[in-house]
Amino acid sequence: LIGDAHALRLYPTLLRKDEENGSVLDIRVGLRARARAHISDIVEIEHGEWHKATEEEEGFASVMGAANLRLVLRRPVSFRSIFQRPRSVTTLLLRVDEPGALVNALREAGAERDER
């Protein structure tokens, strides 16, 4: 528990520029969940409330409570959670402190551009 609390503080979810891959969203929820999505692969962003992943291709990343952001991806990403092996997901369900601000930042960085 102490290690997870430190990981929550030290390794937050980040929107960053990657020199090789452009903008990426590094999703890290302590020791509980990890994924990395390229911003250009985010085709849909939805604000709402989800209490758990209901489909195999969904990854749920929340410290406590319901997820408040749903990201649908063009291509699968590797999702790792603490008690499961890494698996491929095409939807990420996240709990973030300021979902509106993250949605705006993702769109500004190039998410939801229809390039299918």
Protein backbone atom coordinates (compact mmCIF):
# COMPACT_ATOMS: atom_id res chain seq x y z
CA LEU A 1 0.00 0.00 0.00
CA ILE A 2 2.79 2.42 0.83
CA GLY A 3 4.53 1.68 -2.47
CA ASP A 4 1.29 2.29 -4.38
CA ALA A 5 0.75 5.61 -2.55
CA HIS A 6 4.26 6.75 -3.50
CA ALA A 7 3.77 5.61 -7.10
CA LEU A 8 0.53 7.61 -7.31
CA ARG A 9 2.43 10.73 -6.28
CA LEU A 10 5.60 10.13 -8.32
CA TYR A 11 4.12 8.79 -11.56
CA PRO A 12 1.04 10.77 -12.64
CA THR A 13 -0.84 10.52 -15.92
CA LEU A 14 0.98 12.84 -18.34
CA LEU A 15 0.33 14.37 -21.73
CA ARG A 16 3.76 14.87 -23.28
CA LYS A 17 5.68 15.27 -26.51
CA ASP A 18 7.76 12.29 -27.55
CA GLU A 19 10.47 13.16 -30.08
CA GLU A 20 10.03 9.87 -31.95
CA ASN A 21 6.25 9.46 -31.76
CA GLY A 22 4.71 12.94 -31.40
CA SER A 23 2.31 13.62 -28.53
CA VAL A 24 1.48 10.72 -26.21
CA LEU A 25 -0.70 10.23 -23.16
CA ASP A 26 1.10 8.21 -20.49
CA ILE A 27 -1.58 6.76 -18.23
CA ARG A 28 -0.23 5.71 -14.86
CA VAL A 29 -2.34 5.02 -11.78
CA GLY A 30 0.17 4.10 -9.10
CA LEU A 31 1.03 0.42 -9.35
CA ARG A 32 -2.53 -0.38 -10.46
CA ALA A 33 -2.61 0.45 -14.17
CA ARG A 34 -0.39 1.63 -17.04
CA ALA A 35 -0.91 2.35 -20.71
CA ARG A 36 0.49 4.68 -23.38
CA ALA A 37 -1.65 6.05 -26.20
CA HIS A 38 -0.53 8.18 -29.11
CA ILE A 39 -2.72 11.27 -29.31
CA SER A 40 -3.25 10.78 -33.03
CA ASP A 41 -4.82 7.36 -32.23
CA ILE A 42 -7.56 8.82 -29.99
CA VAL A 43 -10.65 8.90 -32.20
CA GLU A 44 -13.31 9.57 -29.57
CA ILE A 45 -13.34 11.27 -26.16
CA GLU A 46 -16.38 11.03 -23.90
CA HIS A 47 -16.96 12.57 -20.47
CA GLY A 48 -19.30 10.54 -18.23
CA GLU A 49 -19.30 7.87 -15.53
CA TRP A 50 -18.22 4.24 -15.83
CA HIS A 51 -17.93 1.96 -12.79
CA LYS A 52 -15.99 -0.86 -14.41
CA ALA A 53 -14.79 -2.21 -17.72
CA THR A 54 -17.59 -4.24 -19.27
CA GLU A 55 -15.81 -5.43 -22.40
CA GLU A 56 -12.55 -7.37 -22.77
CA GLU A 57 -11.09 -4.59 -24.92
CA GLU A 58 -11.62 -1.93 -22.20
CA GLY A 59 -8.96 -0.93 -19.68
CA PHE A 60 -10.13 0.62 -16.38
CA ALA A 61 -7.69 3.01 -14.63
CA SER A 62 -9.02 4.63 -11.46
CA VAL A 63 -7.70 5.04 -7.92
CA MET A 64 -11.13 5.21 -6.32
CA GLY A 65 -14.62 5.48 -7.71
CA ALA A 66 -15.94 5.59 -11.21
CA ALA A 67 -13.96 6.55 -14.29
CA ASN A 68 -14.96 9.95 -15.67
CA LEU A 69 -13.32 9.85 -19.10
CA ARG A 70 -13.57 7.33 -21.94
CA LEU A 71 -11.01 7.28 -24.76
CA VAL A 72 -11.64 5.18 -27.87
CA LEU A 73 -8.50 4.34 -29.82
CA ARG A 74 -7.84 3.66 -33.49
CA ARG A 75 -5.32 0.92 -32.66
CA PRO A 76 -4.98 -1.34 -29.61
CA VAL A 77 -2.51 -0.39 -26.87
CA SER A 78 -0.92 -2.53 -24.18
CA PHE A 79 -2.77 -2.11 -20.86
CA ARG A 80 -1.16 -3.41 -17.68
CA SER A 81 -2.91 -3.73 -14.37
CA ILE A 82 -1.52 -4.97 -11.09
CA PHE A 83 -3.23 -8.39 -10.98
CA GLN A 84 -3.46 -9.16 -14.69
CA ARG A 85 -1.08 -9.85 -17.53
CA PRO A 86 -0.68 -7.08 -20.11
CA ARG A 87 -3.49 -7.15 -22.66
CA SER A 88 -4.51 -5.19 -25.73
CA VAL A 89 -7.33 -2.68 -25.34
CA THR A 90 -9.00 -0.22 -27.71
CA THR A 91 -10.90 1.72 -25.03
CA LEU A 92 -9.45 3.35 -21.92
CA LEU A 93 -11.65 4.32 -18.96
CA LEU A 94 -9.86 6.83 -16.72
CA ARG A 95 -10.48 8.78 -13.55
CA VAL A 96 -8.78 12.18 -13.73
CA ASP A 97 -8.99 15.22 -11.46
CA GLU A 98 -9.91 17.72 -14.17
CA PRO A 99 -11.51 15.86 -17.08
CA GLY A 100 -12.56 19.02 -18.95
CA ALA A 101 -9.02 20.38 -18.92
CA LEU A 102 -7.59 17.06 -20.13
CA VAL A 103 -10.20 16.80 -22.91
CA ASN A 104 -9.27 20.30 -24.09
CA ALA A 105 -5.54 19.52 -23.96
CA LEU A 106 -6.02 16.24 -25.87
CA ARG A 107 -8.04 17.94 -28.59
CA GLU A 108 -5.52 20.77 -28.83
CA ALA A 109 -2.74 18.16 -29.21
CA GLY A 110 -4.59 16.48 -32.10
CA ALA A 111 -7.00 13.90 -30.64
CA GLU A 112 -10.28 13.11 -32.43
CA ARG A 113 -9.02 14.09 -35.87
CA ASP A 114 -10.71 11.80 -38.35
CA GLU A 115 -7.82 10.21 -40.26
CA ARG A 116 -9.15 6.65 -40.40
